[in-house]
Amino acid sequence: MDYFLKSNKTLLTYTLITVIIISTLGINFFISFLSNILLLLILIPLFLLLIIFLGFNSYKSKINMCDNCGAISLGLSETCMNCGGKIKDTNKESKFNENPSERTIEVKAEEVK
């Protein structure tokens, strides 16, 4: 046994060095691999939520409402499919330009006996 150790001293030294380096780099690779997977598991749902939010806002901006019956339309037509009335474009109208008294609903209270 002593003869083997004496004759292969450099081989044994290089083997120990490579085992130490590979184990250190392997652990670092494994840790970085797991952290990248966990990062993807967190970022992919956030990215999907962002896409859904942007899609919903795009969908909401195309909604128009009929002046007569209040039906909702998603198209670009100017007449209502239900009543034939004019459809107002909610994107062009600004609700901040209207007088607040025009938007208020008057309610009269009556006593119930």
PDB file of N, CA and C in Angstrom:
ATOM      1  N   MET A   1       0.825  -1.183   0.000  1.00  0.00           N
ATOM      2  CA  MET A   1       0.000   0.000   0.000  1.00  0.00           C
ATOM      3  C   MET A   1       0.869   1.246   0.000  1.00  0.00           C
ATOM      4  N   ASP A   2       1.932   1.219   0.795  1.00  0.00           N
ATOM      5  CA  ASP A   2       2.825   2.372   0.840  1.00  0.00           C
ATOM      6  C   ASP A   2       3.488   2.604  -0.508  1.00  0.00           C
ATOM      7  N   TYR A   3       3.778   1.530  -1.209  1.00  0.00           N
ATOM      8  CA  TYR A   3       4.404   1.654  -2.518  1.00  0.00           C
ATOM      9  C   TYR A   3       3.453   2.366  -3.487  1.00  0.00           C
ATOM     10  N   PHE A   4       2.153   2.037  -3.426  1.00  0.00           N
ATOM     11  CA  PHE A   4       1.155   2.661  -4.302  1.00  0.00           C
ATOM     12  C   PHE A   4       1.041   4.157  -4.027  1.00  0.00           C
ATOM     13  N   LEU A   5       1.033   4.527  -2.730  1.00  0.00           N
ATOM     14  CA  LEU A   5       0.925   5.930  -2.377  1.00  0.00           C
ATOM     15  C   LEU A   5       2.153   6.719  -2.788  1.00  0.00           C
ATOM     16  N   LYS A   6       3.333   6.125  -2.631  1.00  0.00           N
ATOM     17  CA  LYS A   6       4.568   6.811  -2.997  1.00  0.00           C
ATOM     18  C   LYS A   6       4.693   6.977  -4.505  1.00  0.00           C
ATOM     19  N   SER A   7       4.297   5.969  -5.253  1.00  0.00           N
ATOM     20  CA  SER A   7       4.474   6.034  -6.707  1.00  0.00           C
ATOM     21  C   SER A   7       3.400   6.896  -7.384  1.00  0.00           C
ATOM     22  N   ASN A   8       2.219   6.970  -6.806  1.00  0.00           N
ATOM     23  CA  ASN A   8       1.106   7.724  -7.424  1.00  0.00           C
ATOM     24  C   ASN A   8       0.737   8.958  -6.610  1.00  0.00           C
ATOM     25  N   LYS A   9       1.742   9.609  -6.033  1.00  0.00           N
ATOM     26  CA  LYS A   9       1.475  10.771  -5.194  1.00  0.00           C
ATOM     27  C   LYS A   9       0.880  11.923  -6.008  1.00  0.00           C
ATOM     28  N   THR A  10       1.381  12.161  -7.190  1.00  0.00           N
ATOM     29  CA  THR A  10       0.854  13.252  -8.009  1.00  0.00           C
ATOM     30  C   THR A  10      -0.555  12.931  -8.522  1.00  0.00           C
ATOM     31  N   LEU A  11      -0.785  11.662  -8.872  1.00  0.00           N
ATOM     32  CA  LEU A  11      -2.125  11.266  -9.322  1.00  0.00           C
ATOM     33  C   LEU A  11      -3.146  11.456  -8.215  1.00  0.00           C
ATOM     34  N   LEU A  12      -2.775  11.078  -7.010  1.00  0.00           N
ATOM     35  CA  LEU A  12      -3.657  11.223  -5.862  1.00  0.00           C
ATOM     36  C   LEU A  12      -3.911  12.703  -5.555  1.00  0.00           C
ATOM     37  N   THR A  13      -2.896  13.519  -5.676  1.00  0.00           N
ATOM     38  CA  THR A  13      -3.043  14.963  -5.429  1.00  0.00           C
ATOM     39  C   THR A  13      -3.986  15.589  -6.446  1.00  0.00           C
ATOM     40  N   TYR A  14      -3.790  15.286  -7.721  1.00  0.00           N
ATOM     41  CA  TYR A  14      -4.663  15.842  -8.748  1.00  0.00           C
ATOM     42  C   TYR A  14      -6.097  15.338  -8.621  1.00  0.00           C
ATOM     43  N   THR A  15      -6.247  14.098  -8.218  1.00  0.00           N
ATOM     44  CA  THR A  15      -7.587  13.553  -8.017  1.00  0.00           C
ATOM     45  C   THR A  15      -8.312  14.277  -6.897  1.00  0.00           C
ATOM     46  N   LEU A  16      -7.629  14.522  -5.788  1.00  0.00           N
ATOM     47  CA  LEU A  16      -8.246  15.243  -4.668  1.00  0.00           C
ATOM     48  C   LEU A  16      -8.597  16.678  -5.073  1.00  0.00           C
ATOM     49  N   ILE A  17      -7.706  17.326  -5.816  1.00  0.00           N
ATOM     50  CA  ILE A  17      -7.972  18.696  -6.248  1.00  0.00           C
ATOM     51  C   ILE A  17      -9.199  18.736  -7.162  1.00  0.00           C
ATOM     52  N   THR A  18      -9.297  17.816  -8.111  1.00  0.00           N
ATOM     53  CA  THR A  18     -10.450  17.809  -9.020  1.00  0.00           C
ATOM     54  C   THR A  18     -11.745  17.478  -8.287  1.00  0.00           C
ATOM     55  N   VAL A  19     -11.692  16.580  -7.322  1.00  0.00           N
ATOM     56  CA  VAL A  19     -12.896  16.255  -6.540  1.00  0.00           C
ATOM     57  C   VAL A  19     -13.358  17.476  -5.758  1.00  0.00           C
ATOM     58  N   ILE A  20     -12.426  18.213  -5.171  1.00  0.00           N
ATOM     59  CA  ILE A  20     -12.787  19.410  -4.399  1.00  0.00           C
ATOM     60  C   ILE A  20     -13.364  20.483  -5.318  1.00  0.00           C
ATOM     61  N   ILE A  21     -12.727  20.702  -6.470  1.00  0.00           N
ATOM     62  CA  ILE A  21     -13.210  21.731  -7.398  1.00  0.00           C
ATOM     63  C   ILE A  21     -14.566  21.354  -7.977  1.00  0.00           C
ATOM     64  N   ILE A  22     -14.736  20.127  -8.402  1.00  0.00           N
ATOM     65  CA  ILE A  22     -16.009  19.693  -8.979  1.00  0.00           C
ATOM     66  C   ILE A  22     -17.127  19.750  -7.950  1.00  0.00           C
ATOM     67  N   SER A  23     -16.837  19.342  -6.727  1.00  0.00           N
ATOM     68  CA  SER A  23     -17.897  19.383  -5.715  1.00  0.00           C
ATOM     69  C   SER A  23     -18.282  20.818  -5.390  1.00  0.00           C
ATOM     70  N   THR A  24     -17.327  21.726  -5.343  1.00  0.00           N
ATOM     71  CA  THR A  24     -17.641  23.131  -5.062  1.00  0.00           C
ATOM     72  C   THR A  24     -18.417  23.748  -6.217  1.00  0.00           C
ATOM     73  N   LEU A  25     -17.944  23.555  -7.428  1.00  0.00           N
ATOM     74  CA  LEU A  25     -18.645  24.101  -8.583  1.00  0.00           C
ATOM     75  C   LEU A  25     -19.990  23.415  -8.797  1.00  0.00           C
ATOM     76  N   GLY A  26     -20.064  22.154  -8.497  1.00  0.00           N
ATOM     77  CA  GLY A  26     -21.319  21.424  -8.638  1.00  0.00           C
ATOM     78  C   GLY A  26     -22.373  21.932  -7.686  1.00  0.00           C
ATOM     79  N   ILE A  27     -21.967  22.223  -6.444  1.00  0.00           N
ATOM     80  CA  ILE A  27     -22.919  22.758  -5.468  1.00  0.00           C
ATOM     81  C   ILE A  27     -23.368  24.145  -5.892  1.00  0.00           C
ATOM     82  N   ASN A  28     -22.438  24.971  -6.359  1.00  0.00           N
ATOM     83  CA  ASN A  28     -22.813  26.308  -6.835  1.00  0.00           C
ATOM     84  C   ASN A  28     -23.748  26.217  -8.038  1.00  0.00           C
ATOM     85  N   PHE A  29     -23.457  25.307  -8.944  1.00  0.00           N
ATOM     86  CA  PHE A  29     -24.340  25.124 -10.105  1.00  0.00           C
ATOM     87  C   PHE A  29     -25.720  24.670  -9.664  1.00  0.00           C
ATOM     88  N   PHE A  30     -25.784  23.738  -8.735  1.00  0.00           N
ATOM     89  CA  PHE A  30     -27.061  23.218  -8.251  1.00  0.00           C
ATOM     90  C   PHE A  30     -27.865  24.320  -7.567  1.00  0.00           C
ATOM     91  N   ILE A  31     -27.215  25.134  -6.749  1.00  0.00           N
ATOM     92  CA  ILE A  31     -27.907  26.221  -6.049  1.00  0.00           C
ATOM     93  C   ILE A  31     -28.409  27.260  -7.047  1.00  0.00           C
ATOM     94  N   SER A  32     -27.578  27.628  -8.017  1.00  0.00           N
ATOM     95  CA  SER A  32     -28.023  28.611  -9.004  1.00  0.00           C
ATOM     96  C   SER A  32     -29.137  28.043  -9.883  1.00  0.00           C
ATOM     97  N   PHE A  33     -29.085  26.767 -10.193  1.00  0.00           N
ATOM     98  CA  PHE A  33     -30.133  26.131 -10.981  1.00  0.00           C
ATOM     99  C   PHE A  33     -31.467  26.162 -10.236  1.00  0.00           C
ATOM    100  N   LEU A  34     -31.449  25.820  -8.957  1.00  0.00           N
ATOM    101  CA  LEU A  34     -32.679  25.856  -8.157  1.00  0.00           C
ATOM    102  C   LEU A  34     -33.208  27.277  -8.004  1.00  0.00           C
ATOM    103  N   SER A  35     -32.305  28.245  -7.813  1.00  0.00           N
ATOM    104  CA  SER A  35     -32.773  29.629  -7.664  1.00  0.00           C
ATOM    105  C   SER A  35     -33.375  30.143  -8.965  1.00  0.00           C
ATOM    106  N   ASN A  36     -32.849  29.748 -10.110  1.00  0.00           N
ATOM    107  CA  ASN A  36     -33.430  30.161 -11.388  1.00  0.00           C
ATOM    108  C   ASN A  36     -34.804  29.538 -11.595  1.00  0.00           C
ATOM    109  N   ILE A  37     -34.971  28.299 -11.195  1.00  0.00           N
ATOM    110  CA  ILE A  37     -36.285  27.658 -11.313  1.00  0.00           C
ATOM    111  C   ILE A  37     -37.298  28.350 -10.407  1.00  0.00           C
ATOM    112  N   LEU A  38     -36.908  28.655  -9.169  1.00  0.00           N
ATOM    113  CA  LEU A  38     -37.818  29.353  -8.260  1.00  0.00           C
ATOM    114  C   LEU A  38     -38.143  30.749  -8.778  1.00  0.00           C
ATOM    115  N   LEU A  39     -37.172  31.421  -9.370  1.00  0.00           N
ATOM    116  CA  LEU A  39     -37.410  32.738  -9.942  1.00  0.00           C
ATOM    117  C   LEU A  39     -38.416  32.654 -11.085  1.00  0.00           C
ATOM    118  N   LEU A  40     -38.291  31.639 -11.913  1.00  0.00           N
ATOM    119  CA  LEU A  40     -39.251  31.450 -13.008  1.00  0.00           C
ATOM    120  C   LEU A  40     -40.643  31.124 -12.480  1.00  0.00           C
ATOM    121  N   LEU A  41     -40.710  30.345 -11.413  1.00  0.00           N
ATOM    122  CA  LEU A  41     -42.015  30.015 -10.843  1.00  0.00           C
ATOM    123  C   LEU A  41     -42.710  31.253 -10.279  1.00  0.00           C
ATOM    124  N   ILE A  42     -41.946  32.247  -9.899  1.00  0.00           N
ATOM    125  CA  ILE A  42     -42.531  33.479  -9.387  1.00  0.00           C
ATOM    126  C   ILE A  42     -42.816  34.453 -10.527  1.00  0.00           C
ATOM    127  N   LEU A  43     -41.897  34.580 -11.486  1.00  0.00           N
ATOM    128  CA  LEU A  43     -42.042  35.591 -12.530  1.00  0.00           C
ATOM    129  C   LEU A  43     -43.057  35.226 -13.608  1.00  0.00           C
ATOM    130  N   ILE A  44     -43.198  33.953 -13.922  1.00  0.00           N
ATOM    131  CA  ILE A  44     -44.151  33.560 -14.971  1.00  0.00           C
ATOM    132  C   ILE A  44     -45.586  33.906 -14.575  1.00  0.00           C
ATOM    133  N   PRO A  45     -46.052  33.609 -13.361  1.00  0.00           N
ATOM    134  CA  PRO A  45     -47.421  34.039 -13.003  1.00  0.00           C
ATOM    135  C   PRO A  45     -47.580  35.561 -13.002  1.00  0.00           C
ATOM    136  N   LEU A  46     -46.556  36.294 -12.552  1.00  0.00           N
ATOM    137  CA  LEU A  46     -46.650  37.753 -12.583  1.00  0.00           C
ATOM    138  C   LEU A  46     -46.723  38.269 -14.016  1.00  0.00           C
ATOM    139  N   PHE A  47     -45.969  37.671 -14.910  1.00  0.00           N
ATOM    140  CA  PHE A  47     -46.003  38.060 -16.312  1.00  0.00           C
ATOM    141  C   PHE A  47     -47.370  37.753 -16.927  1.00  0.00           C
ATOM    142  N   LEU A  48     -47.947  36.596 -16.585  1.00  0.00           N
ATOM    143  CA  LEU A  48     -49.279  36.254 -17.089  1.00  0.00           C
ATOM    144  C   LEU A  48     -50.344  37.206 -16.547  1.00  0.00           C
ATOM    145  N   LEU A  49     -50.231  37.597 -15.279  1.00  0.00           N
ATOM    146  CA  LEU A  49     -51.180  38.557 -14.715  1.00  0.00           C
ATOM    147  C   LEU A  49     -51.067  39.912 -15.412  1.00  0.00           C
ATOM    148  N   LEU A  50     -49.859  40.319 -15.752  1.00  0.00           N
ATOM    149  CA  LEU A  50     -49.669  41.565 -16.479  1.00  0.00           C
ATOM    150  C   LEU A  50     -50.309  41.504 -17.856  1.00  0.00           C
ATOM    151  N   ILE A  51     -50.151  40.389 -18.556  1.00  0.00           N
ATOM    152  CA  ILE A  51     -50.762  40.222 -19.875  1.00  0.00           C
ATOM    153  C   ILE A  51     -52.290  40.236 -19.765  1.00  0.00           C
ATOM    154  N   ILE A  52     -52.837  39.565 -18.759  1.00  0.00           N
ATOM    155  CA  ILE A  52     -54.293  39.550 -18.559  1.00  0.00           C
ATOM    156  C   ILE A  52     -54.803  40.953 -18.250  1.00  0.00           C
ATOM    157  N   PHE A  53     -54.086  41.687 -17.413  1.00  0.00           N
ATOM    158  CA  PHE A  53     -54.482  43.055 -17.067  1.00  0.00           C
ATOM    159  C   PHE A  53     -54.487  43.955 -18.295  1.00  0.00           C
ATOM    160  N   LEU A  54     -53.452  43.871 -19.126  1.00  0.00           N
ATOM    161  CA  LEU A  54     -53.396  44.686 -20.335  1.00  0.00           C
ATOM    162  C   LEU A  54     -54.491  44.295 -21.325  1.00  0.00           C
ATOM    163  N   GLY A  55     -54.775  43.000 -21.440  1.00  0.00           N
ATOM    164  CA  GLY A  55     -55.850  42.546 -22.312  1.00  0.00           C
ATOM    165  C   GLY A  55     -57.207  43.026 -21.839  1.00  0.00           C
ATOM    166  N   PHE A  56     -57.425  42.993 -20.537  1.00  0.00           N
ATOM    167  CA  PHE A  56     -58.700  43.451 -19.981  1.00  0.00           C
ATOM    168  C   PHE A  56     -58.888  44.946 -20.215  1.00  0.00           C
ATOM    169  N   ASN A  57     -57.825  45.731 -20.048  1.00  0.00           N
ATOM    170  CA  ASN A  57     -57.927  47.172 -20.300  1.00  0.00           C
ATOM    171  C   ASN A  57     -58.186  47.460 -21.778  1.00  0.00           C
ATOM    172  N   SER A  58     -57.586  46.677 -22.650  1.00  0.00           N
ATOM    173  CA  SER A  58     -57.824  46.843 -24.077  1.00  0.00           C
ATOM    174  C   SER A  58     -59.276  46.491 -24.409  1.00  0.00           C
ATOM    175  N   TYR A  59     -59.786  45.432 -23.810  1.00  0.00           N
ATOM    176  CA  TYR A  59     -61.179  45.009 -24.022  1.00  0.00           C
ATOM    177  C   TYR A  59     -62.139  46.069 -23.490  1.00  0.00           C
ATOM    178  N   LYS A  60     -61.829  46.611 -22.320  1.00  0.00           N
ATOM    179  CA  LYS A  60     -62.699  47.595 -21.687  1.00  0.00           C
ATOM    180  C   LYS A  60     -62.753  48.896 -22.484  1.00  0.00           C
ATOM    181  N   SER A  61     -61.689  49.237 -23.174  1.00  0.00           N
ATOM    182  CA  SER A  61     -61.670  50.491 -23.921  1.00  0.00           C
ATOM    183  C   SER A  61     -62.515  50.423 -25.191  1.00  0.00           C
ATOM    184  N   LYS A  62     -62.924  49.239 -25.618  1.00  0.00           N
ATOM    185  CA  LYS A  62     -63.722  49.097 -26.840  1.00  0.00           C
ATOM    186  C   LYS A  62     -65.217  48.992 -26.567  1.00  0.00           C
ATOM    187  N   ILE A  63     -65.632  49.129 -25.330  1.00  0.00           N
ATOM    188  CA  ILE A  63     -67.048  48.996 -24.978  1.00  0.00           C
ATOM    189  C   ILE A  63     -67.777  50.305 -25.237  1.00  0.00           C
ATOM    190  N   ASN A  64     -68.911  50.224 -25.961  1.00  0.00           N
ATOM    191  CA  ASN A  64     -69.775  51.371 -26.229  1.00  0.00           C
ATOM    192  C   ASN A  64     -71.156  51.075 -25.659  1.00  0.00           C
ATOM    193  N   MET A  65     -71.908  52.151 -25.319  1.00  0.00           N
ATOM    194  CA  MET A  65     -73.223  51.968 -24.716  1.00  0.00           C
ATOM    195  C   MET A  65     -74.284  52.741 -25.511  1.00  0.00           C
ATOM    196  N   CYS A  66     -75.443  52.123 -25.644  1.00  0.00           N
ATOM    197  CA  CYS A  66     -76.564  52.738 -26.358  1.00  0.00           C
ATOM    198  C   CYS A  66     -77.184  53.838 -25.492  1.00  0.00           C
ATOM    199  N   ASP A  67     -77.562  54.966 -26.140  1.00  0.00           N
ATOM    200  CA  ASP A  67     -78.202  56.067 -25.414  1.00  0.00           C
ATOM    201  C   ASP A  67     -79.630  55.731 -24.990  1.00  0.00           C
ATOM    202  N   ASN A  68     -80.348  54.939 -25.805  1.00  0.00           N
ATOM    203  CA  ASN A  68     -81.758  54.657 -25.522  1.00  0.00           C
ATOM    204  C   ASN A  68     -81.959  53.523 -24.531  1.00  0.00           C
ATOM    205  N   CYS A  69     -81.436  52.350 -24.864  1.00  0.00           N
ATOM    206  CA  CYS A  69     -81.750  51.172 -24.050  1.00  0.00           C
ATOM    207  C   CYS A  69     -80.628  50.767 -23.095  1.00  0.00           C
ATOM    208  N   GLY A  70     -79.445  51.301 -23.272  1.00  0.00           N
ATOM    209  CA  GLY A  70     -78.337  50.976 -22.376  1.00  0.00           C
ATOM    210  C   GLY A  70     -77.623  49.685 -22.729  1.00  0.00           C
ATOM    211  N   ALA A  71     -77.906  49.126 -23.909  1.00  0.00           N
ATOM    212  CA  ALA A  71     -77.236  47.886 -24.326  1.00  0.00           C
ATOM    213  C   ALA A  71     -75.755  48.174 -24.589  1.00  0.00           C
ATOM    214  N   ILE A  72     -74.932  47.188 -24.316  1.00  0.00           N
ATOM    215  CA  ILE A  72     -73.490  47.330 -24.489  1.00  0.00           C
ATOM    216  C   ILE A  72     -73.085  46.708 -25.811  1.00  0.00           C
ATOM    217  N   SER A  73     -72.233  47.406 -26.547  1.00  0.00           N
ATOM    218  CA  SER A  73     -71.760  46.934 -27.834  1.00  0.00           C
ATOM    219  C   SER A  73     -70.241  46.959 -27.843  1.00  0.00           C
ATOM    220  N   LEU A  74     -69.644  45.954 -28.462  1.00  0.00           N
ATOM    221  CA  LEU A  74     -68.193  45.909 -28.567  1.00  0.00           C
ATOM    222  C   LEU A  74     -67.698  46.318 -29.942  1.00  0.00           C
ATOM    223  N   GLY A  75     -68.580  46.518 -30.870  1.00  0.00           N
ATOM    224  CA  GLY A  75     -68.195  46.844 -32.232  1.00  0.00           C
ATOM    225  C   GLY A  75     -67.983  48.330 -32.435  1.00  0.00           C
ATOM    226  N   LEU A  76     -67.744  48.679 -33.685  1.00  0.00           N
ATOM    227  CA  LEU A  76     -67.554  50.076 -34.057  1.00  0.00           C
ATOM    228  C   LEU A  76     -68.787  50.663 -34.709  1.00  0.00           C
ATOM    229  N   SER A  77     -69.923  49.956 -34.670  1.00  0.00           N
ATOM    230  CA  SER A  77     -71.148  50.447 -35.303  1.00  0.00           C
ATOM    231  C   SER A  77     -71.693  51.644 -34.532  1.00  0.00           C
ATOM    232  N   GLU A  78     -72.456  52.475 -35.232  1.00  0.00           N
ATOM    233  CA  GLU A  78     -73.016  53.679 -34.614  1.00  0.00           C
ATOM    234  C   GLU A  78     -74.465  53.509 -34.204  1.00  0.00           C
ATOM    235  N   THR A  79     -75.089  52.382 -34.566  1.00  0.00           N
ATOM    236  CA  THR A  79     -76.483  52.146 -34.187  1.00  0.00           C
ATOM    237  C   THR A  79     -76.574  50.895 -33.326  1.00  0.00           C
ATOM    238  N   CYS A  80     -77.544  50.903 -32.440  1.00  0.00           N
ATOM    239  CA  CYS A  80     -77.756  49.785 -31.512  1.00  0.00           C
ATOM    240  C   CYS A  80     -78.433  48.628 -32.245  1.00  0.00           C
ATOM    241  N   MET A  81     -78.018  47.411 -31.932  1.00  0.00           N
ATOM    242  CA  MET A  81     -78.640  46.232 -32.544  1.00  0.00           C
ATOM    243  C   MET A  81     -79.991  45.922 -31.906  1.00  0.00           C
ATOM    244  N   ASN A  82     -80.230  46.379 -30.662  1.00  0.00           N
ATOM    245  CA  ASN A  82     -81.502  46.116 -29.986  1.00  0.00           C
ATOM    246  C   ASN A  82     -82.593  47.086 -30.406  1.00  0.00           C
ATOM    247  N   CYS A  83     -82.285  48.391 -30.280  1.00  0.00           N
ATOM    248  CA  CYS A  83     -83.344  49.382 -30.512  1.00  0.00           C
ATOM    249  C   CYS A  83     -83.100  50.260 -31.729  1.00  0.00           C
ATOM    250  N   GLY A  84     -81.938  50.236 -32.317  1.00  0.00           N
ATOM    251  CA  GLY A  84     -81.642  51.068 -33.479  1.00  0.00           C
ATOM    252  C   GLY A  84     -81.231  52.482 -33.123  1.00  0.00           C
ATOM    253  N   GLY A  85     -81.080  52.754 -31.830  1.00  0.00           N
ATOM    254  CA  GLY A  85     -80.691  54.096 -31.379  1.00  0.00           C
ATOM    255  C   GLY A  85     -79.206  54.343 -31.564  1.00  0.00           C
ATOM    256  N   LYS A  86     -78.829  55.576 -31.278  1.00  0.00           N
ATOM    257  CA  LYS A  86     -77.435  55.980 -31.428  1.00  0.00           C
ATOM    258  C   LYS A  86     -76.599  55.414 -30.275  1.00  0.00           C
ATOM    259  N   ILE A  87     -75.417  54.915 -30.620  1.00  0.00           N
ATOM    260  CA  ILE A  87     -74.496  54.388 -29.603  1.00  0.00           C
ATOM    261  C   ILE A  87     -73.464  55.457 -29.319  1.00  0.00           C
ATOM    262  N   LYS A  88     -73.299  55.777 -28.039  1.00  0.00           N
ATOM    263  CA  LYS A  88     -72.292  56.777 -27.686  1.00  0.00           C
ATOM    264  C   LYS A  88     -70.958  56.079 -27.426  1.00  0.00           C
ATOM    265  N   ASP A  89     -69.909  56.722 -27.822  1.00  0.00           N
ATOM    266  CA  ASP A  89     -68.566  56.190 -27.635  1.00  0.00           C
ATOM    267  C   ASP A  89     -68.065  56.643 -26.271  1.00  0.00           C
ATOM    268  N   THR A  90     -67.876  55.704 -25.356  1.00  0.00           N
ATOM    269  CA  THR A  90     -67.455  56.059 -24.003  1.00  0.00           C
ATOM    270  C   THR A  90     -66.019  56.534 -23.958  1.00  0.00           C
ATOM    271  N   ASN A  91     -65.235  56.238 -24.976  1.00  0.00           N
ATOM    272  CA  ASN A  91     -63.848  56.687 -24.991  1.00  0.00           C
ATOM    273  C   ASN A  91     -63.741  58.165 -25.329  1.00  0.00           C
ATOM    274  N   LYS A  92     -64.621  58.660 -26.194  1.00  0.00           N
ATOM    275  CA  LYS A  92     -64.543  60.053 -26.621  1.00  0.00           C
ATOM    276  C   LYS A  92     -65.132  61.002 -25.585  1.00  0.00           C
ATOM    277  N   GLU A  93     -66.108  60.531 -24.838  1.00  0.00           N
ATOM    278  CA  GLU A  93     -66.735  61.383 -23.828  1.00  0.00           C
ATOM    279  C   GLU A  93     -65.911  61.368 -22.558  1.00  0.00           C
ATOM    280  N   SER A  94     -65.771  62.517 -21.992  1.00  0.00           N
ATOM    281  CA  SER A  94     -65.080  62.606 -20.717  1.00  0.00           C
ATOM    282  C   SER A  94     -66.113  62.892 -19.635  1.00  0.00           C
ATOM    283  N   LYS A  95     -66.153  62.079 -18.632  1.00  0.00           N
ATOM    284  CA  LYS A  95     -67.132  62.255 -17.561  1.00  0.00           C
ATOM    285  C   LYS A  95     -66.756  63.426 -16.660  1.00  0.00           C
ATOM    286  N   PHE A  96     -65.516  63.908 -16.767  1.00  0.00           N
ATOM    287  CA  PHE A  96     -65.087  65.017 -15.931  1.00  0.00           C
ATOM    288  C   PHE A  96     -65.539  66.361 -16.491  1.00  0.00           C
ATOM    289  N   ASN A  97     -65.928  66.408 -17.753  1.00  0.00           N
ATOM    290  CA  ASN A  97     -66.368  67.656 -18.364  1.00  0.00           C
ATOM    291  C   ASN A  97     -67.822  67.974 -18.044  1.00  0.00           C
ATOM    292  N   GLU A  98     -68.592  67.002 -17.595  1.00  0.00           N
ATOM    293  CA  GLU A  98     -70.006  67.221 -17.316  1.00  0.00           C
ATOM    294  C   GLU A  98     -70.192  67.906 -15.974  1.00  0.00           C
ATOM    295  N   ASN A  99     -71.303  68.608 -15.880  1.00  0.00           N
ATOM    296  CA  ASN A  99     -71.661  69.270 -14.635  1.00  0.00           C
ATOM    297  C   ASN A  99     -72.129  68.205 -13.637  1.00  0.00           C
ATOM    298  N   PRO A 100     -71.678  68.239 -12.391  1.00  0.00           N
ATOM    299  CA  PRO A 100     -72.067  67.203 -11.428  1.00  0.00           C
ATOM    300  C   PRO A 100     -73.563  67.134 -11.174  1.00  0.00           C
ATOM    301  N   SER A 101     -74.265  68.251 -11.307  1.00  0.00           N
ATOM    302  CA  SER A 101     -75.712  68.222 -11.058  1.00  0.00           C
ATOM    303  C   SER A 101     -76.449  67.461 -12.148  1.00  0.00           C
ATOM    304  N   GLU A 102     -75.868  67.352 -13.326  1.00  0.00           N
ATOM    305  CA  GLU A 102     -76.494  66.584 -14.393  1.00  0.00           C
ATOM    306  C   GLU A 102     -76.336  65.083 -14.171  1.00  0.00           C
ATOM    307  N   ARG A 103     -75.366  64.678 -13.407  1.00  0.00           N
ATOM    308  CA  ARG A 103     -75.106  63.269 -13.164  1.00  0.00           C
ATOM    309  C   ARG A 103     -75.801  62.752 -11.898  1.00  0.00           C
ATOM    310  N   THR A 104     -76.371  63.637 -11.105  1.00  0.00           N
ATOM    311  CA  THR A 104     -76.991  63.250  -9.844  1.00  0.00           C
ATOM    312  C   THR A 104     -78.437  62.818 -10.084  1.00  0.00           C
ATOM    313  N   ILE A 105     -78.847  61.769  -9.426  1.00  0.00           N
ATOM    314  CA  ILE A 105     -80.222  61.279  -9.526  1.00  0.00           C
ATOM    315  C   ILE A 105     -80.999  61.823  -8.330  1.00  0.00           C
ATOM    316  N   GLU A 106     -82.089  62.488  -8.615  1.00  0.00           N
ATOM    317  CA  GLU A 106     -82.939  63.029  -7.559  1.00  0.00           C
ATOM    318  C   GLU A 106     -83.868  61.929  -7.052  1.00  0.00           C
ATOM    319  N   VAL A 107     -83.922  61.756  -5.744  1.00  0.00           N
ATOM    320  CA  VAL A 107     -84.775  60.749  -5.131  1.00  0.00           C
ATOM    321  C   VAL A 107     -85.707  61.456  -4.145  1.00  0.00           C
ATOM    322  N   LYS A 108     -87.016  61.187  -4.267  1.00  0.00           N
ATOM    323  CA  LYS A 108     -88.001  61.765  -3.341  1.00  0.00           C
ATOM    324  C   LYS A 108     -88.402  60.694  -2.348  1.00  0.00           C
ATOM    325  N   ALA A 109     -88.354  61.030  -1.103  1.00  0.00           N
ATOM    326  CA  ALA A 109     -88.702  60.078  -0.049  1.00  0.00           C
ATOM    327  C   ALA A 109     -90.203  60.141   0.230  1.00  0.00           C
ATOM    328  N   GLU A 110     -90.800  58.970   0.372  1.00  0.00           N
ATOM    329  CA  GLU A 110     -92.226  58.901   0.722  1.00  0.00           C
ATOM    330  C   GLU A 110     -92.372  58.016   1.945  1.00  0.00           C
ATOM    331  N   GLU A 111     -93.304  58.352   2.758  1.00  0.00           N
ATOM    332  CA  GLU A 111     -93.533  57.585   3.973  1.00  0.00           C
ATOM    333  C   GLU A 111     -94.465  56.424   3.632  1.00  0.00           C
ATOM    334  N   VAL A 112     -94.075  55.222   4.053  1.00  0.00           N
ATOM    335  CA  VAL A 112     -94.855  54.020   3.797  1.00  0.00           C
ATOM    336  C   VAL A 112     -95.685  53.716   5.038  1.00  0.00           C
ATOM    337  N   LYS A 113     -97.044  53.525   4.833  1.00  0.00           N
ATOM    338  CA  LYS A 113     -97.928  53.244   5.979  1.00  0.00           C
ATOM    339  C   LYS A 113     -98.430  51.843   5.948  1.00  0.00           C
TER     340      LYS A 113
END
